[in-house]
Amino acid sequence: MKRSTLIQDLAIRYKYLNHAQVEKMVELIFKHLGNALSQDQRIEIRGIGTWHIKTRNPRLARNPRTGEKVQVGTKKNIAFRMAKDLKFRINQNKSPEEIDKQIERMYDRKD
């Protein structure tokens, strides 16, 4: 899904917000997520997963063109770990409604 599709879908679903308001809201959310990651903060969205910064140690690499060995410094990458709910959803051959009901039953607690 692209950002424009997300904005369009949200504007249709939430009719009391106009397209410009939805676009601003989505931009703000993505900006905050990007800022959090750039400050090495972990992001958790329940039901979707977690993003965190993973630091790769410096290493010796090889230039593929010349074969020369070069030192590559420390690098940071974004790592994502999928939530159990999302993993369950994408591995089912059922309709979204059936999956939602099954997840609700999984979390139902009888006191």
C-alpha atoms as a PDB file:
ATOM      1  CA  MET A   1       0.000   0.000   0.000  1.00  0.00           C
ATOM      2  CA  LYS A   2       1.279   3.434  -0.889  1.00  0.00           C
ATOM      3  CA  ARG A   3       0.926   6.537   1.258  1.00  0.00           C
ATOM      4  CA  SER A   4      -1.576   8.049  -1.200  1.00  0.00           C
ATOM      5  CA  THR A   5      -3.740   4.906  -1.044  1.00  0.00           C
ATOM      6  CA  LEU A   6      -3.673   4.976   2.759  1.00  0.00           C
ATOM      7  CA  ILE A   7      -4.738   8.629   2.778  1.00  0.00           C
ATOM      8  CA  GLN A   8      -7.525   7.969   0.296  1.00  0.00           C
ATOM      9  CA  ASP A   9      -8.818   4.947   2.247  1.00  0.00           C
ATOM     10  CA  LEU A  10      -8.800   6.857   5.543  1.00  0.00           C
ATOM     11  CA  ALA A  11     -10.571   9.855   3.989  1.00  0.00           C
ATOM     12  CA  ILE A  12     -13.321   7.547   2.711  1.00  0.00           C
ATOM     13  CA  ARG A  13     -13.659   5.743   6.031  1.00  0.00           C
ATOM     14  CA  TYR A  14     -13.652   8.895   8.193  1.00  0.00           C
ATOM     15  CA  LYS A  15     -16.012  11.152   6.270  1.00  0.00           C
ATOM     16  CA  TYR A  16     -15.928  13.863   8.964  1.00  0.00           C
ATOM     17  CA  LEU A  17     -12.269  14.526   8.026  1.00  0.00           C
ATOM     18  CA  ASN A  18     -11.450  16.078   4.676  1.00  0.00           C
ATOM     19  CA  HIS A  19      -8.629  14.829   2.449  1.00  0.00           C
ATOM     20  CA  ALA A  20      -6.211  17.579   3.556  1.00  0.00           C
ATOM     21  CA  GLN A  21      -6.772  16.782   7.248  1.00  0.00           C
ATOM     22  CA  VAL A  22      -6.172  13.071   6.694  1.00  0.00           C
ATOM     23  CA  GLU A  23      -3.042  13.811   4.654  1.00  0.00           C
ATOM     24  CA  LYS A  24      -1.669  16.067   7.415  1.00  0.00           C
ATOM     25  CA  MET A  25      -2.458  13.425  10.054  1.00  0.00           C
ATOM     26  CA  VAL A  26      -0.660  10.670   8.108  1.00  0.00           C
ATOM     27  CA  GLU A  27       2.344  12.949   7.481  1.00  0.00           C
ATOM     28  CA  LEU A  28       2.567  13.782  11.202  1.00  0.00           C
ATOM     29  CA  ILE A  29       2.394  10.114  12.211  1.00  0.00           C
ATOM     30  CA  PHE A  30       5.132   9.125   9.762  1.00  0.00           C
ATOM     31  CA  LYS A  31       7.242  12.115  10.828  1.00  0.00           C
ATOM     32  CA  HIS A  32       6.994  11.111  14.495  1.00  0.00           C
ATOM     33  CA  LEU A  33       7.834   7.485  13.688  1.00  0.00           C
ATOM     34  CA  GLY A  34      10.859   8.581  11.649  1.00  0.00           C
ATOM     35  CA  ASN A  35      12.025  10.931  14.411  1.00  0.00           C
ATOM     36  CA  ALA A  36      11.709   8.191  17.023  1.00  0.00           C
ATOM     37  CA  LEU A  37      13.781   5.777  14.938  1.00  0.00           C
ATOM     38  CA  SER A  38      16.421   8.427  14.213  1.00  0.00           C
ATOM     39  CA  GLN A  39      16.797   8.838  17.998  1.00  0.00           C
ATOM     40  CA  ASP A  40      17.307   5.065  18.431  1.00  0.00           C
ATOM     41  CA  GLN A  41      13.875   4.626  20.022  1.00  0.00           C
ATOM     42  CA  ARG A  42      11.908   1.418  19.661  1.00  0.00           C
ATOM     43  CA  ILE A  43       8.445   1.631  18.076  1.00  0.00           C
ATOM     44  CA  GLU A  44       5.748  -0.883  18.965  1.00  0.00           C
ATOM     45  CA  ILE A  45       2.359  -0.989  17.289  1.00  0.00           C
ATOM     46  CA  ARG A  46       0.301  -3.769  18.824  1.00  0.00           C
ATOM     47  CA  GLY A  47      -1.021  -6.240  16.297  1.00  0.00           C
ATOM     48  CA  ILE A  48       1.504  -5.098  13.665  1.00  0.00           C
ATOM     49  CA  GLY A  49       4.984  -5.395  15.139  1.00  0.00           C
ATOM     50  CA  THR A  50       8.021  -3.539  16.431  1.00  0.00           C
ATOM     51  CA  TRP A  51      10.709  -1.534  14.696  1.00  0.00           C
ATOM     52  CA  HIS A  52      14.094  -0.872  16.222  1.00  0.00           C
ATOM     53  CA  ILE A  53      17.557   0.235  15.175  1.00  0.00           C
ATOM     54  CA  LYS A  54      20.088  -2.527  14.781  1.00  0.00           C
ATOM     55  CA  THR A  55      23.765  -1.562  14.746  1.00  0.00           C
ATOM     56  CA  ARG A  56      26.104  -3.530  12.511  1.00  0.00           C
ATOM     57  CA  ASN A  57      29.703  -3.793  13.668  1.00  0.00           C
ATOM     58  CA  PRO A  58      32.583  -2.538  11.525  1.00  0.00           C
ATOM     59  CA  ARG A  59      33.966  -5.192   9.204  1.00  0.00           C
ATOM     60  CA  LEU A  60      36.431  -5.887   6.454  1.00  0.00           C
ATOM     61  CA  ALA A  61      34.787  -6.039   3.017  1.00  0.00           C
ATOM     62  CA  ARG A  62      35.990  -6.442  -0.535  1.00  0.00           C
ATOM     63  CA  ASN A  63      35.546  -4.019  -3.420  1.00  0.00           C
ATOM     64  CA  PRO A  64      33.878  -6.192  -6.106  1.00  0.00           C
ATOM     65  CA  ARG A  65      35.449  -4.231  -8.968  1.00  0.00           C
ATOM     66  CA  THR A  66      39.078  -4.247  -7.791  1.00  0.00           C
ATOM     67  CA  GLY A  67      39.103  -7.044  -5.232  1.00  0.00           C
ATOM     68  CA  GLU A  68      40.751  -4.636  -2.801  1.00  0.00           C
ATOM     69  CA  LYS A  69      39.939  -5.082   0.895  1.00  0.00           C
ATOM     70  CA  VAL A  70      38.276  -2.074   2.497  1.00  0.00           C
ATOM     71  CA  GLN A  71      37.217  -1.301   6.034  1.00  0.00           C
ATOM     72  CA  VAL A  72      33.468  -0.676   6.362  1.00  0.00           C
ATOM     73  CA  GLY A  73      32.450   1.318   9.410  1.00  0.00           C
ATOM     74  CA  THR A  74      29.569   0.858  11.815  1.00  0.00           C
ATOM     75  CA  LYS A  75      26.155   1.007  10.143  1.00  0.00           C
ATOM     76  CA  LYS A  76      22.643   1.259  11.483  1.00  0.00           C
ATOM     77  CA  ASN A  77      19.665  -0.527   9.934  1.00  0.00           C
ATOM     78  CA  ILE A  78      15.990  -0.622  10.788  1.00  0.00           C
ATOM     79  CA  ALA A  79      14.849  -4.053  11.949  1.00  0.00           C
ATOM     80  CA  PHE A  80      11.200  -5.150  12.061  1.00  0.00           C
ATOM     81  CA  ARG A  81       9.700  -7.972  14.063  1.00  0.00           C
ATOM     82  CA  MET A  82       6.197  -9.023  13.128  1.00  0.00           C
ATOM     83  CA  ALA A  83       3.523  -9.381  15.823  1.00  0.00           C
ATOM     84  CA  LYS A  84       1.954 -12.798  16.392  1.00  0.00           C
ATOM     85  CA  ASP A  85      -1.455 -11.500  15.259  1.00  0.00           C
ATOM     86  CA  LEU A  86      -0.070 -10.262  11.939  1.00  0.00           C
ATOM     87  CA  LYS A  87       1.892 -13.458  11.367  1.00  0.00           C
ATOM     88  CA  PHE A  88      -1.272 -15.437  12.059  1.00  0.00           C
ATOM     89  CA  ARG A  89      -3.300 -13.259   9.657  1.00  0.00           C
ATOM     90  CA  ILE A  90      -0.943 -13.580   6.701  1.00  0.00           C
ATOM     91  CA  ASN A  91      -0.601 -17.333   7.103  1.00  0.00           C
ATOM     92  CA  GLN A  92      -4.336 -18.071   7.034  1.00  0.00           C
ATOM     93  CA  ASN A  93      -6.436 -18.883   3.990  1.00  0.00           C
ATOM     94  CA  LYS A  94      -9.558 -17.338   5.483  1.00  0.00           C
ATOM     95  CA  SER A  95     -11.464 -14.096   5.081  1.00  0.00           C
ATOM     96  CA  PRO A  96     -10.398 -11.140   7.257  1.00  0.00           C
ATOM     97  CA  GLU A  97     -13.666 -11.417   9.196  1.00  0.00           C
ATOM     98  CA  GLU A  98     -13.056 -15.099  10.027  1.00  0.00           C
ATOM     99  CA  ILE A  99      -9.516 -14.315  11.141  1.00  0.00           C
ATOM    100  CA  ASP A 100     -10.728 -11.434  13.359  1.00  0.00           C
ATOM    101  CA  LYS A 101     -13.217 -13.747  15.076  1.00  0.00           C
ATOM    102  CA  GLN A 102     -10.532 -16.389  15.590  1.00  0.00           C
ATOM    103  CA  ILE A 103      -8.120 -13.839  17.095  1.00  0.00           C
ATOM    104  CA  GLU A 104     -10.862 -12.550  19.410  1.00  0.00           C
ATOM    105  CA  ARG A 105     -11.493 -16.119  20.599  1.00  0.00           C
ATOM    106  CA  MET A 106      -7.748 -16.556  21.212  1.00  0.00           C
ATOM    107  CA  TYR A 107      -7.732 -13.522  23.522  1.00  0.00           C
ATOM    108  CA  ASP A 108     -11.067 -14.157  25.255  1.00  0.00           C
ATOM    109  CA  ARG A 109     -10.457 -14.744  28.932  1.00  0.00           C
ATOM    110  CA  LYS A 110     -13.002 -16.454  31.072  1.00  0.00           C
ATOM    111  CA  ASP A 111     -12.917 -15.218  34.654  1.00  0.00           C
END
